């Protein structure tokens, strides 16, 4: 087919120039790629993707979302930014799932001058236009990068010189023995599929020692370079935080190795369905600093499903956007895990 596109000027001429054999070969190639979709994403087929994309591109707003997805996946930042600009012009706001995928596909961990940073900026401006606001640049290091303005290092709470004591070894073993497996999610059932299973643990009320909420003074500290954001300091005492680490280490952390996407060393995790007493205690410590309502949704509590991370040598926590999790719980009758115990009425807003 080499040279046909420039040699014909009408559909009839193009039809005559394409032989039956060439058509059969083209169909065979496409059917082979359909049977092995992982090949279609390989660099070798980038030209083919670009050639066939206009044939299947949807129209309208959905078409803009598809154009951004395709361009970001291929690293065509300029094309993605044009589609994002069109979305902003029409007031089209992408769904959370699309934003999560785009940010993940940008994969800009550690990048200072990558042009993809401009695309990431455009994604965030398109996803949350109401959050765009001027930020004073005083103190920023503008010379370090032509794209980024670097905020000086900020320490919310100075680190303690002496490590916290935590729990005695015997107490750690006693508390860890009260944990049970609530759910095992097979590697193939995880999204995306993983090399390891996900284990969700739980424990009876008051298993993990906590001070009464009334005796805890949580402070709200504004983050200087992110308007309207804050850090809550003192939610857990150093000893309380250390005790959770100790119990997690004893129960066991699980590696996280997705089978799709770029190879990366991720943090290990200990997933804990906290008991209601523990979650209510932490929520009461923070309640007065939290908004009572967000976009019409009322504040009801803390999601008891907690994921504790342990960073390992070489791990990189890549830029990402968190999802909106439903309120998880435990069925009182069966003792089994319920992913959405509120049946769609409650989901996380501050994640």
C-alpha atoms as a PDB file:
ATOM      1  CA  UNK A   1       0.000   0.000   0.000  1.00  0.00           C
ATOM      2  CA  UNK A   2       3.036   2.269   0.048  1.00  0.00           C
ATOM      3  CA  UNK A   3       2.329   5.523  -1.802  1.00  0.00           C
ATOM      4  CA  UNK A   4      -1.411   4.951  -2.339  1.00  0.00           C
ATOM      5  CA  UNK A   5      -2.573   7.772  -0.045  1.00  0.00           C
ATOM      6  CA  UNK A   6      -0.765  10.448  -2.043  1.00  0.00           C
ATOM      7  CA  UNK A   7      -1.494   8.921  -5.459  1.00  0.00           C
ATOM      8  CA  UNK A   8      -5.307   8.881  -5.281  1.00  0.00           C
ATOM      9  CA  UNK A   9      -7.748  11.756  -5.002  1.00  0.00           C
ATOM     10  CA  UNK A  10     -11.109  10.009  -4.604  1.00  0.00           C
ATOM     11  CA  UNK A  11     -12.656   7.110  -2.735  1.00  0.00           C
ATOM     12  CA  UNK A  12     -13.199   5.268  -6.026  1.00  0.00           C
ATOM     13  CA  UNK A  13      -9.531   5.549  -6.974  1.00  0.00           C
ATOM     14  CA  UNK A  14      -8.469   4.412  -3.497  1.00  0.00           C
ATOM     15  CA  UNK A  15     -10.785   1.387  -3.707  1.00  0.00           C
ATOM     16  CA  UNK A  16      -9.331   0.427  -7.075  1.00  0.00           C
ATOM     17  CA  UNK A  17      -5.757   0.820  -5.783  1.00  0.00           C
ATOM     18  CA  UNK A  18      -6.265  -1.602  -2.880  1.00  0.00           C
ATOM     19  CA  UNK A  19      -6.051  -5.200  -4.040  1.00  0.00           C
ATOM     20  CA  UNK A  20      -8.049  -8.039  -2.492  1.00  0.00           C
ATOM     21  CA  UNK A  21      -4.810  -9.550  -1.201  1.00  0.00           C
ATOM     22  CA  UNK A  22      -3.791  -6.321   0.512  1.00  0.00           C
ATOM     23  CA  UNK A  23      -7.220  -6.065   2.110  1.00  0.00           C
ATOM     24  CA  UNK A  24      -7.002  -9.660   3.376  1.00  0.00           C
ATOM     25  CA  UNK A  25      -3.541  -8.964   4.827  1.00  0.00           C
ATOM     26  CA  UNK A  26      -4.809  -5.844   6.602  1.00  0.00           C
ATOM     27  CA  UNK A  27      -7.770  -7.744   8.074  1.00  0.00           C
ATOM     28  CA  UNK A  28      -5.483 -10.584   9.182  1.00  0.00           C
ATOM     29  CA  UNK A  29      -3.123  -8.159  10.953  1.00  0.00           C
ATOM     30  CA  UNK A  30      -5.986  -6.416  12.765  1.00  0.00           C
ATOM     31  CA  UNK A  31      -7.580  -9.704  13.833  1.00  0.00           C
ATOM     32  CA  UNK A  32      -4.217 -10.926  15.128  1.00  0.00           C
ATOM     33  CA  UNK A  33      -3.799  -7.761  17.176  1.00  0.00           C
ATOM     34  CA  UNK A  34      -7.338  -8.122  18.472  1.00  0.00           C
ATOM     35  CA  UNK A  35      -6.475 -11.618  19.703  1.00  0.00           C
ATOM     36  CA  UNK A  36      -3.277 -10.304  21.352  1.00  0.00           C
ATOM     37  CA  UNK A  37      -4.124  -6.754  22.509  1.00  0.00           C
ATOM     38  CA  UNK A  38      -0.884  -6.409  24.466  1.00  0.00           C
ATOM     39  CA  UNK A  39       0.967  -6.231  21.131  1.00  0.00           C
ATOM     40  CA  UNK A  40      -1.050  -3.215  20.052  1.00  0.00           C
ATOM     41  CA  UNK A  41       0.459  -1.149  22.892  1.00  0.00           C
ATOM     42  CA  UNK A  42       4.045  -2.025  21.904  1.00  0.00           C
ATOM     43  CA  UNK A  43       6.223   0.777  20.460  1.00  0.00           C
ATOM     44  CA  UNK A  44       6.458  -1.064  17.140  1.00  0.00           C
ATOM     45  CA  UNK A  45       2.747  -0.485  16.499  1.00  0.00           C
ATOM     46  CA  UNK A  46       2.642   3.193  17.435  1.00  0.00           C
ATOM     47  CA  UNK A  47       2.244   4.237  13.792  1.00  0.00           C
ATOM     48  CA  UNK A  48      -0.600   1.773  13.311  1.00  0.00           C
ATOM     49  CA  UNK A  49      -2.374   3.081  16.411  1.00  0.00           C
ATOM     50  CA  UNK A  50      -2.146   6.612  15.092  1.00  0.00           C
ATOM     51  CA  UNK A  51      -3.424   5.507  11.671  1.00  0.00           C
ATOM     52  CA  UNK A  52      -6.493   3.564  12.836  1.00  0.00           C
ATOM     53  CA  UNK A  53      -7.464   5.851  15.720  1.00  0.00           C
ATOM     54  CA  UNK A  54      -9.448   8.351  13.574  1.00  0.00           C
ATOM     55  CA  UNK A  55     -11.537   5.436  12.243  1.00  0.00           C
ATOM     56  CA  UNK A  56     -12.826   4.506  15.706  1.00  0.00           C
ATOM     57  CA  UNK A  57     -12.671   7.879  17.460  1.00  0.00           C
ATOM     58  CA  UNK A  58     -16.028   8.791  19.040  1.00  0.00           C
ATOM     59  CA  UNK A  59     -17.526  12.226  18.498  1.00  0.00           C
ATOM     60  CA  UNK A  60     -18.395  14.936  21.015  1.00  0.00           C
ATOM     61  CA  UNK A  61     -17.247  15.163  24.618  1.00  0.00           C
ATOM     62  CA  UNK A  62     -16.659  11.425  24.903  1.00  0.00           C
ATOM     63  CA  UNK A  63     -14.380  11.751  21.888  1.00  0.00           C
ATOM     64  CA  UNK A  64     -12.259  14.319  23.704  1.00  0.00           C
ATOM     65  CA  UNK A  65     -11.831  11.969  26.662  1.00  0.00           C
ATOM     66  CA  UNK A  66     -10.812   9.172  24.302  1.00  0.00           C
ATOM     67  CA  UNK A  67      -8.359  11.467  22.512  1.00  0.00           C
ATOM     68  CA  UNK A  68      -6.703  12.417  25.799  1.00  0.00           C
ATOM     69  CA  UNK A  69      -6.499   8.772  26.883  1.00  0.00           C
ATOM     70  CA  UNK A  70      -4.880   7.674  23.638  1.00  0.00           C
ATOM     71  CA  UNK A  71      -2.457  10.595  23.489  1.00  0.00           C
ATOM     72  CA  UNK A  72      -1.321  10.280  27.119  1.00  0.00           C
ATOM     73  CA  UNK A  73      -0.812   6.526  26.743  1.00  0.00           C
ATOM     74  CA  UNK A  74       1.410   7.194  23.715  1.00  0.00           C
ATOM     75  CA  UNK A  75       3.273  10.098  25.324  1.00  0.00           C
ATOM     76  CA  UNK A  76       1.911  12.562  22.759  1.00  0.00           C
ATOM     77  CA  UNK A  77       1.720  15.422  25.252  1.00  0.00           C
ATOM     78  CA  UNK A  78       0.914  18.187  22.765  1.00  0.00           C
ATOM     79  CA  UNK A  79      -2.049  16.238  21.349  1.00  0.00           C
ATOM     80  CA  UNK A  80      -3.324  15.489  24.850  1.00  0.00           C
ATOM     81  CA  UNK A  81      -3.057  19.142  25.865  1.00  0.00           C
ATOM     82  CA  UNK A  82      -5.024  20.256  22.804  1.00  0.00           C
ATOM     83  CA  UNK A  83      -7.843  17.856  23.681  1.00  0.00           C
ATOM     84  CA  UNK A  84      -7.747  18.986  27.320  1.00  0.00           C
ATOM     85  CA  UNK A  85      -7.927  22.600  26.188  1.00  0.00           C
ATOM     86  CA  UNK A  86     -11.031  21.744  24.156  1.00  0.00           C
ATOM     87  CA  UNK A  87     -12.595  20.106  27.220  1.00  0.00           C
ATOM     88  CA  UNK A  88     -11.996  23.223  29.307  1.00  0.00           C
ATOM     89  CA  UNK A  89     -13.457  25.416  26.568  1.00  0.00           C
ATOM     90  CA  UNK A  90     -16.680  23.389  26.567  1.00  0.00           C
ATOM     91  CA  UNK A  91     -16.806  23.022  30.353  1.00  0.00           C
ATOM     92  CA  UNK A  92     -16.486  19.241  30.140  1.00  0.00           C
ATOM     93  CA  UNK A  93     -15.110  17.763  33.391  1.00  0.00           C
ATOM     94  CA  UNK A  94     -13.666  14.226  33.102  1.00  0.00           C
ATOM     95  CA  UNK A  95     -14.777  11.457  35.439  1.00  0.00           C
ATOM     96  CA  UNK A  96     -12.554  10.441  38.326  1.00  0.00           C
ATOM     97  CA  UNK A  97     -11.580   7.146  36.696  1.00  0.00           C
ATOM     98  CA  UNK A  98     -10.284   8.938  33.594  1.00  0.00           C
ATOM     99  CA  UNK A  99      -8.275  11.400  35.678  1.00  0.00           C
ATOM    100  CA  UNK A 100      -6.726   8.570  37.697  1.00  0.00           C
ATOM    101  CA  UNK A 101      -5.722   6.735  34.517  1.00  0.00           C
ATOM    102  CA  UNK A 102      -4.256   9.857  32.869  1.00  0.00           C
ATOM    103  CA  UNK A 103      -2.157  10.793  35.899  1.00  0.00           C
ATOM    104  CA  UNK A 104      -0.944   7.201  36.230  1.00  0.00           C
ATOM    105  CA  UNK A 105      -0.046   7.032  32.516  1.00  0.00           C
ATOM    106  CA  UNK A 106       1.932  10.278  32.737  1.00  0.00           C
ATOM    107  CA  UNK A 107       4.253   8.385  35.124  1.00  0.00           C
ATOM    108  CA  UNK A 108       6.334  11.425  36.016  1.00  0.00           C
ATOM    109  CA  UNK A 109       8.015  10.304  39.225  1.00  0.00           C
ATOM    110  CA  UNK A 110      11.266  12.208  39.645  1.00  0.00           C
ATOM    111  CA  UNK A 111      10.819  14.260  36.463  1.00  0.00           C
ATOM    112  CA  UNK A 112      11.946  17.904  36.549  1.00  0.00           C
ATOM    113  CA  UNK A 113      11.984  18.971  32.919  1.00  0.00           C
ATOM    114  CA  UNK A 114       9.817  16.362  31.242  1.00  0.00           C
ATOM    115  CA  UNK A 115       7.275  18.074  28.930  1.00  0.00           C
ATOM    116  CA  UNK A 116       4.761  15.629  30.340  1.00  0.00           C
ATOM    117  CA  UNK A 117       4.685  17.849  33.432  1.00  0.00           C
ATOM    118  CA  UNK A 118       2.833  20.470  31.402  1.00  0.00           C
ATOM    119  CA  UNK A 119       0.329  17.807  30.392  1.00  0.00           C
ATOM    120  CA  UNK A 120      -0.079  16.764  34.034  1.00  0.00           C
ATOM    121  CA  UNK A 121      -0.744  20.404  34.904  1.00  0.00           C
ATOM    122  CA  UNK A 122      -3.383  20.596  32.151  1.00  0.00           C
ATOM    123  CA  UNK A 123      -5.039  17.399  33.423  1.00  0.00           C
ATOM    124  CA  UNK A 124      -5.391  18.800  36.937  1.00  0.00           C
ATOM    125  CA  UNK A 125      -6.707  22.143  35.675  1.00  0.00           C
ATOM    126  CA  UNK A 126      -9.306  20.330  33.568  1.00  0.00           C
ATOM    127  CA  UNK A 127     -10.337  17.953  36.351  1.00  0.00           C
ATOM    128  CA  UNK A 128     -10.749  20.582  39.078  1.00  0.00           C
ATOM    129  CA  UNK A 129     -11.130  24.060  37.544  1.00  0.00           C
ATOM    130  CA  UNK A 130     -12.708  25.374  40.752  1.00  0.00           C
ATOM    131  CA  UNK A 131      -9.428  24.789  42.602  1.00  0.00           C
ATOM    132  CA  UNK A 132      -7.289  26.952  40.321  1.00  0.00           C
ATOM    133  CA  UNK A 133      -6.002  29.924  42.283  1.00  0.00           C
ATOM    134  CA  UNK A 134      -2.918  32.159  42.294  1.00  0.00           C
ATOM    135  CA  UNK A 135      -0.144  31.167  44.669  1.00  0.00           C
ATOM    136  CA  UNK A 136       2.540  33.638  45.825  1.00  0.00           C
ATOM    137  CA  UNK A 137       5.886  32.668  44.336  1.00  0.00           C
ATOM    138  CA  UNK A 138       7.988  34.292  47.058  1.00  0.00           C
ATOM    139  CA  UNK A 139      10.645  31.872  48.197  1.00  0.00           C
ATOM    140  CA  UNK A 140      10.232  29.505  45.258  1.00  0.00           C
ATOM    141  CA  UNK A 141      13.331  28.368  43.377  1.00  0.00           C
ATOM    142  CA  UNK A 142      12.496  29.294  39.790  1.00  0.00           C
ATOM    143  CA  UNK A 143      16.012  28.716  38.437  1.00  0.00           C
ATOM    144  CA  UNK A 144      16.149  24.987  39.173  1.00  0.00           C
ATOM    145  CA  UNK A 145      13.709  24.027  36.411  1.00  0.00           C
ATOM    146  CA  UNK A 146      12.115  25.791  33.423  1.00  0.00           C
ATOM    147  CA  UNK A 147       8.795  24.116  34.278  1.00  0.00           C
ATOM    148  CA  UNK A 148       8.630  23.665  38.054  1.00  0.00           C
ATOM    149  CA  UNK A 149       8.685  26.192  40.853  1.00  0.00           C
ATOM    150  CA  UNK A 150      10.098  24.405  43.868  1.00  0.00           C
ATOM    151  CA  UNK A 151       8.742  25.252  47.303  1.00  0.00           C
ATOM    152  CA  UNK A 152      11.378  25.200  50.050  1.00  0.00           C
ATOM    153  CA  UNK A 153      11.283  22.146  52.279  1.00  0.00           C
ATOM    154  CA  UNK A 154       8.547  22.429  54.904  1.00  0.00           C
ATOM    155  CA  UNK A 155       8.472  20.517  58.157  1.00  0.00           C
ATOM    156  CA  UNK A 156       5.052  20.441  59.795  1.00  0.00           C
ATOM    157  CA  UNK A 157       6.249  18.891  63.048  1.00  0.00           C
ATOM    158  CA  UNK A 158       9.942  18.492  63.988  1.00  0.00           C
ATOM    159  CA  UNK A 159      11.063  14.895  64.263  1.00  0.00           C
ATOM    160  CA  UNK A 160      11.732  13.558  67.720  1.00  0.00           C
ATOM    161  CA  UNK A 161      15.363  13.005  68.631  1.00  0.00           C
ATOM    162  CA  UNK A 162      14.610   9.788  70.506  1.00  0.00           C
ATOM    163  CA  UNK A 163      12.521   7.021  68.894  1.00  0.00           C
ATOM    164  CA  UNK A 164       9.151   6.355  70.580  1.00  0.00           C
ATOM    165  CA  UNK A 165       8.938   3.331  72.835  1.00  0.00           C
ATOM    166  CA  UNK A 166       5.785   1.731  71.472  1.00  0.00           C
ATOM    167  CA  UNK A 167       4.560  -1.469  73.101  1.00  0.00           C
ATOM    168  CA  UNK A 168       6.623  -4.110  74.938  1.00  0.00           C
ATOM    169  CA  UNK A 169       7.335  -7.199  72.823  1.00  0.00           C
ATOM    170  CA  UNK A 170       4.974  -9.391  74.832  1.00  0.00           C
ATOM    171  CA  UNK A 171       2.150  -6.876  74.400  1.00  0.00           C
ATOM    172  CA  UNK A 172       2.772  -6.660  70.645  1.00  0.00           C
ATOM    173  CA  UNK A 173       2.430 -10.440  70.351  1.00  0.00           C
ATOM    174  CA  UNK A 174      -0.754 -10.390  72.456  1.00  0.00           C
ATOM    175  CA  UNK A 175      -2.372  -7.698  70.299  1.00  0.00           C
ATOM    176  CA  UNK A 176      -1.265  -9.292  66.997  1.00  0.00           C
ATOM    177  CA  UNK A 177      -2.748 -12.634  68.084  1.00  0.00           C
ATOM    178  CA  UNK A 178      -6.189 -11.005  68.165  1.00  0.00           C
ATOM    179  CA  UNK A 179      -6.079 -10.154  64.447  1.00  0.00           C
ATOM    180  CA  UNK A 180      -7.864 -12.444  61.993  1.00  0.00           C
ATOM    181  CA  UNK A 181      -8.045 -12.601  58.206  1.00  0.00           C
ATOM    182  CA  UNK A 182     -11.263 -10.927  57.074  1.00  0.00           C
ATOM    183  CA  UNK A 183     -10.740 -11.212  53.306  1.00  0.00           C
ATOM    184  CA  UNK A 184      -8.284 -12.711  50.838  1.00  0.00           C
ATOM    185  CA  UNK A 185      -8.373 -11.251  47.345  1.00  0.00           C
ATOM    186  CA  UNK A 186      -6.632 -13.469  44.794  1.00  0.00           C
ATOM    187  CA  UNK A 187      -3.883 -11.853  42.679  1.00  0.00           C
ATOM    188  CA  UNK A 188      -5.936 -12.277  39.480  1.00  0.00           C
ATOM    189  CA  UNK A 189      -8.994 -10.609  41.053  1.00  0.00           C
ATOM    190  CA  UNK A 190      -7.175  -7.443  42.083  1.00  0.00           C
ATOM    191  CA  UNK A 191      -7.473  -4.315  39.951  1.00  0.00           C
ATOM    192  CA  UNK A 192      -5.051  -4.146  38.306  1.00  0.00           C
ATOM    193  CA  UNK A 193      -3.967  -7.822  38.567  1.00  0.00           C
ATOM    194  CA  UNK A 194      -1.068  -8.346  40.952  1.00  0.00           C
ATOM    195  CA  UNK A 195       1.651 -10.869  41.668  1.00  0.00           C
ATOM    196  CA  UNK A 196       0.474 -11.094  45.294  1.00  0.00           C
ATOM    197  CA  UNK A 197      -2.869 -11.511  47.010  1.00  0.00           C
ATOM    198  CA  UNK A 198      -4.404  -8.758  49.125  1.00  0.00           C
ATOM    199  CA  UNK A 199      -5.059  -9.769  52.733  1.00  0.00           C
ATOM    200  CA  UNK A 200      -7.486  -7.708  54.805  1.00  0.00           C
ATOM    201  CA  UNK A 201      -7.217  -8.138  58.582  1.00  0.00           C
ATOM    202  CA  UNK A 202      -9.495  -7.097  61.433  1.00  0.00           C
ATOM    203  CA  UNK A 203      -9.581  -7.349  65.222  1.00  0.00           C
ATOM    204  CA  UNK A 204     -12.051  -7.013  68.122  1.00  0.00           C
ATOM    205  CA  UNK A 205     -12.863  -3.608  69.627  1.00  0.00           C
ATOM    206  CA  UNK A 206     -10.132  -2.003  71.735  1.00  0.00           C
ATOM    207  CA  UNK A 207      -7.470  -4.506  70.680  1.00  0.00           C
ATOM    208  CA  UNK A 208      -4.978  -1.750  69.813  1.00  0.00           C
ATOM    209  CA  UNK A 209      -4.354   0.503  72.864  1.00  0.00           C
ATOM    210  CA  UNK A 210      -5.564   4.097  72.434  1.00  0.00           C
ATOM    211  CA  UNK A 211      -5.877   7.116  74.707  1.00  0.00           C
ATOM    212  CA  UNK A 212      -9.395   8.537  75.192  1.00  0.00           C
ATOM    213  CA  UNK A 213     -10.193  11.056  72.449  1.00  0.00           C
ATOM    214  CA  UNK A 214     -10.973  13.778  74.999  1.00  0.00           C
ATOM    215  CA  UNK A 215      -7.352  13.716  76.203  1.00  0.00           C
ATOM    216  CA  UNK A 216      -5.863  14.278  72.735  1.00  0.00           C
ATOM    217  CA  UNK A 217      -5.134  17.787  71.446  1.00  0.00           C
ATOM    218  CA  UNK A 218      -5.036  17.695  67.642  1.00  0.00           C
ATOM    219  CA  UNK A 219      -3.657  20.843  66.005  1.00  0.00           C
ATOM    220  CA  UNK A 220      -4.613  22.129  62.550  1.00  0.00           C
ATOM    221  CA  UNK A 221      -1.601  23.547  60.703  1.00  0.00           C
ATOM    222  CA  UNK A 222      -2.088  25.295  57.307  1.00  0.00           C
ATOM    223  CA  UNK A 223       0.130  24.058  54.469  1.00  0.00           C
ATOM    224  CA  UNK A 224       1.796  27.278  53.232  1.00  0.00           C
ATOM    225  CA  UNK A 225       2.031  26.401  49.525  1.00  0.00           C
ATOM    226  CA  UNK A 226      -1.352  24.653  48.984  1.00  0.00           C
ATOM    227  CA  UNK A 227      -4.296  27.029  49.506  1.00  0.00           C
ATOM    228  CA  UNK A 228      -7.094  25.754  51.794  1.00  0.00           C
ATOM    229  CA  UNK A 229      -5.109  22.628  52.745  1.00  0.00           C
ATOM    230  CA  UNK A 230      -3.907  21.714  56.207  1.00  0.00           C
ATOM    231  CA  UNK A 231      -2.025  19.126  58.217  1.00  0.00           C
ATOM    232  CA  UNK A 232      -3.557  17.641  61.368  1.00  0.00           C
ATOM    233  CA  UNK A 233      -0.782  17.141  63.902  1.00  0.00           C
ATOM    234  CA  UNK A 234      -1.028  14.908  66.948  1.00  0.00           C
ATOM    235  CA  UNK A 235      -3.832  12.659  65.707  1.00  0.00           C
ATOM    236  CA  UNK A 236      -1.768   9.722  66.963  1.00  0.00           C
ATOM    237  CA  UNK A 237       0.890   9.997  69.616  1.00  0.00           C
ATOM    238  CA  UNK A 238       4.357   8.707  68.648  1.00  0.00           C
ATOM    239  CA  UNK A 239       3.788   5.657  70.858  1.00  0.00           C
ATOM    240  CA  UNK A 240       0.362   4.959  69.303  1.00  0.00           C
ATOM    241  CA  UNK A 241       1.770   5.224  65.786  1.00  0.00           C
ATOM    242  CA  UNK A 242       4.690   2.972  66.696  1.00  0.00           C
ATOM    243  CA  UNK A 243       2.353   0.365  68.183  1.00  0.00           C
ATOM    244  CA  UNK A 244       0.470   0.115  64.864  1.00  0.00           C
ATOM    245  CA  UNK A 245       3.778  -0.380  63.045  1.00  0.00           C
ATOM    246  CA  UNK A 246       4.807  -3.049  65.548  1.00  0.00           C
ATOM    247  CA  UNK A 247       1.535  -4.949  65.179  1.00  0.00           C
ATOM    248  CA  UNK A 248       1.643  -4.634  61.382  1.00  0.00           C
ATOM    249  CA  UNK A 249       5.187  -5.993  61.273  1.00  0.00           C
ATOM    250  CA  UNK A 250       4.121  -8.941  63.429  1.00  0.00           C
ATOM    251  CA  UNK A 251       0.931  -9.738  61.484  1.00  0.00           C
ATOM    252  CA  UNK A 252       2.779  -9.232  58.189  1.00  0.00           C
ATOM    253  CA  UNK A 253       3.139  -6.735  55.339  1.00  0.00           C
ATOM    254  CA  UNK A 254       2.426  -7.865  51.754  1.00  0.00           C
ATOM    255  CA  UNK A 255       4.414  -6.809  48.644  1.00  0.00           C
ATOM    256  CA  UNK A 256       2.589  -4.953  45.868  1.00  0.00           C
ATOM    257  CA  UNK A 257       3.682  -5.902  42.327  1.00  0.00           C
ATOM    258  CA  UNK A 258       1.121  -5.069  39.588  1.00  0.00           C
ATOM    259  CA  UNK A 259       1.331  -7.258  36.486  1.00  0.00           C
ATOM    260  CA  UNK A 260       0.417  -4.401  34.139  1.00  0.00           C
ATOM    261  CA  UNK A 261       1.970  -1.012  33.532  1.00  0.00           C
ATOM    262  CA  UNK A 262       5.578   0.019  34.005  1.00  0.00           C
ATOM    263  CA  UNK A 263       7.795  -1.989  36.309  1.00  0.00           C
ATOM    264  CA  UNK A 264       8.137  -0.286  39.661  1.00  0.00           C
ATOM    265  CA  UNK A 265       9.141  -1.130  43.221  1.00  0.00           C
ATOM    266  CA  UNK A 266       6.127  -0.250  45.366  1.00  0.00           C
ATOM    267  CA  UNK A 267       5.674  -0.038  49.112  1.00  0.00           C
ATOM    268  CA  UNK A 268       4.537  -3.111  51.034  1.00  0.00           C
ATOM    269  CA  UNK A 269       1.183  -2.792  52.755  1.00  0.00           C
ATOM    270  CA  UNK A 270      -0.740  -4.016  55.768  1.00  0.00           C
ATOM    271  CA  UNK A 271      -4.495  -3.623  55.138  1.00  0.00           C
ATOM    272  CA  UNK A 272      -6.506  -3.312  58.317  1.00  0.00           C
ATOM    273  CA  UNK A 273     -10.274  -3.118  58.800  1.00  0.00           C
ATOM    274  CA  UNK A 274      -9.990  -1.151  62.026  1.00  0.00           C
ATOM    275  CA  UNK A 275     -12.400  -1.968  64.809  1.00  0.00           C
ATOM    276  CA  UNK A 276     -15.277   0.486  65.279  1.00  0.00           C
ATOM    277  CA  UNK A 277     -14.007   1.703  68.666  1.00  0.00           C
ATOM    278  CA  UNK A 278     -10.569   2.600  67.263  1.00  0.00           C
ATOM    279  CA  UNK A 279     -12.033   4.356  64.198  1.00  0.00           C
ATOM    280  CA  UNK A 280     -14.559   6.319  66.280  1.00  0.00           C
ATOM    281  CA  UNK A 281     -11.795   7.413  68.654  1.00  0.00           C
ATOM    282  CA  UNK A 282      -9.630   8.775  65.811  1.00  0.00           C
ATOM    283  CA  UNK A 283     -12.632  10.454  64.182  1.00  0.00           C
ATOM    284  CA  UNK A 284     -13.585  12.253  67.394  1.00  0.00           C
ATOM    285  CA  UNK A 285     -10.012  13.519  67.710  1.00  0.00           C
ATOM    286  CA  UNK A 286     -10.244  15.127  64.262  1.00  0.00           C
ATOM    287  CA  UNK A 287     -13.934  16.067  64.001  1.00  0.00           C
ATOM    288  CA  UNK A 288     -13.664  19.737  65.010  1.00  0.00           C
ATOM    289  CA  UNK A 289     -11.058  20.368  62.315  1.00  0.00           C
ATOM    290  CA  UNK A 290     -13.035  18.727  59.478  1.00  0.00           C
ATOM    291  CA  UNK A 291     -15.684  20.406  57.300  1.00  0.00           C
ATOM    292  CA  UNK A 292     -19.192  19.405  58.349  1.00  0.00           C
ATOM    293  CA  UNK A 293     -20.247  19.275  54.697  1.00  0.00           C
ATOM    294  CA  UNK A 294     -18.574  18.943  51.271  1.00  0.00           C
ATOM    295  CA  UNK A 295     -20.624  19.652  48.142  1.00  0.00           C
ATOM    296  CA  UNK A 296     -23.822  18.782  49.993  1.00  0.00           C
ATOM    297  CA  UNK A 297     -22.440  15.570  51.512  1.00  0.00           C
ATOM    298  CA  UNK A 298     -22.443  15.481  55.318  1.00  0.00           C
ATOM    299  CA  UNK A 299     -19.524  14.316  57.433  1.00  0.00           C
ATOM    300  CA  UNK A 300     -20.329  10.940  59.021  1.00  0.00           C
ATOM    301  CA  UNK A 301     -17.070   9.315  60.094  1.00  0.00           C
ATOM    302  CA  UNK A 302     -13.813   7.603  59.241  1.00  0.00           C
ATOM    303  CA  UNK A 303     -13.620   4.809  56.685  1.00  0.00           C
ATOM    304  CA  UNK A 304     -12.476   1.840  58.748  1.00  0.00           C
ATOM    305  CA  UNK A 305     -10.545   0.243  55.879  1.00  0.00           C
ATOM    306  CA  UNK A 306      -6.973   1.427  56.431  1.00  0.00           C
ATOM    307  CA  UNK A 307      -3.871   0.713  54.390  1.00  0.00           C
ATOM    308  CA  UNK A 308      -0.563   1.069  56.215  1.00  0.00           C
ATOM    309  CA  UNK A 309       2.469   1.390  53.923  1.00  0.00           C
ATOM    310  CA  UNK A 310       6.032   0.268  54.549  1.00  0.00           C
ATOM    311  CA  UNK A 311       8.510   1.749  52.115  1.00  0.00           C
ATOM    312  CA  UNK A 312      11.332  -0.507  50.986  1.00  0.00           C
ATOM    313  CA  UNK A 313      14.677   0.251  49.366  1.00  0.00           C
ATOM    314  CA  UNK A 314      14.198   1.498  45.815  1.00  0.00           C
ATOM    315  CA  UNK A 315      10.454   2.071  46.137  1.00  0.00           C
ATOM    316  CA  UNK A 316       8.956   5.041  44.314  1.00  0.00           C
ATOM    317  CA  UNK A 317       5.577   6.513  45.185  1.00  0.00           C
ATOM    318  CA  UNK A 318       4.427   7.783  41.822  1.00  0.00           C
ATOM    319  CA  UNK A 319       2.114  10.780  41.296  1.00  0.00           C
ATOM    320  CA  UNK A 320      -1.469   9.563  41.512  1.00  0.00           C
ATOM    321  CA  UNK A 321      -5.048  10.588  42.254  1.00  0.00           C
ATOM    322  CA  UNK A 322      -6.885   8.623  44.937  1.00  0.00           C
ATOM    323  CA  UNK A 323     -10.264   7.078  44.272  1.00  0.00           C
ATOM    324  CA  UNK A 324     -13.547   7.678  46.102  1.00  0.00           C
ATOM    325  CA  UNK A 325     -13.945   4.631  48.341  1.00  0.00           C
ATOM    326  CA  UNK A 326     -17.342   3.540  49.669  1.00  0.00           C
ATOM    327  CA  UNK A 327     -17.866   3.018  53.386  1.00  0.00           C
ATOM    328  CA  UNK A 328     -16.675  -0.502  54.146  1.00  0.00           C
ATOM    329  CA  UNK A 329     -17.867  -2.555  57.096  1.00  0.00           C
ATOM    330  CA  UNK A 330     -18.425  -5.998  58.610  1.00  0.00           C
ATOM    331  CA  UNK A 331     -21.771  -7.796  58.450  1.00  0.00           C
ATOM    332  CA  UNK A 332     -22.949  -8.196  62.044  1.00  0.00           C
ATOM    333  CA  UNK A 333     -24.736 -11.470  61.284  1.00  0.00           C
ATOM    334  CA  UNK A 334     -22.048 -13.265  59.271  1.00  0.00           C
ATOM    335  CA  UNK A 335     -18.868 -11.475  60.354  1.00  0.00           C
ATOM    336  CA  UNK A 336     -17.893 -11.110  56.682  1.00  0.00           C
ATOM    337  CA  UNK A 337     -16.406  -8.080  54.951  1.00  0.00           C
ATOM    338  CA  UNK A 338     -18.812  -5.755  53.113  1.00  0.00           C
ATOM    339  CA  UNK A 339     -17.132  -3.496  50.540  1.00  0.00           C
ATOM    340  CA  UNK A 340     -20.025  -0.988  50.478  1.00  0.00           C
ATOM    341  CA  UNK A 341     -21.998  -1.353  53.679  1.00  0.00           C
ATOM    342  CA  UNK A 342     -23.871   1.924  53.067  1.00  0.00           C
ATOM    343  CA  UNK A 343     -25.210   0.661  49.701  1.00  0.00           C
ATOM    344  CA  UNK A 344     -23.981   3.677  47.772  1.00  0.00           C
ATOM    345  CA  UNK A 345     -24.993   6.363  50.256  1.00  0.00           C
ATOM    346  CA  UNK A 346     -21.544   7.111  51.735  1.00  0.00           C
ATOM    347  CA  UNK A 347     -18.149   7.492  50.052  1.00  0.00           C
ATOM    348  CA  UNK A 348     -14.810   9.029  50.982  1.00  0.00           C
ATOM    349  CA  UNK A 349     -14.177  12.691  50.193  1.00  0.00           C
ATOM    350  CA  UNK A 350     -10.951  13.458  52.036  1.00  0.00           C
ATOM    351  CA  UNK A 351      -8.513  10.860  50.651  1.00  0.00           C
END
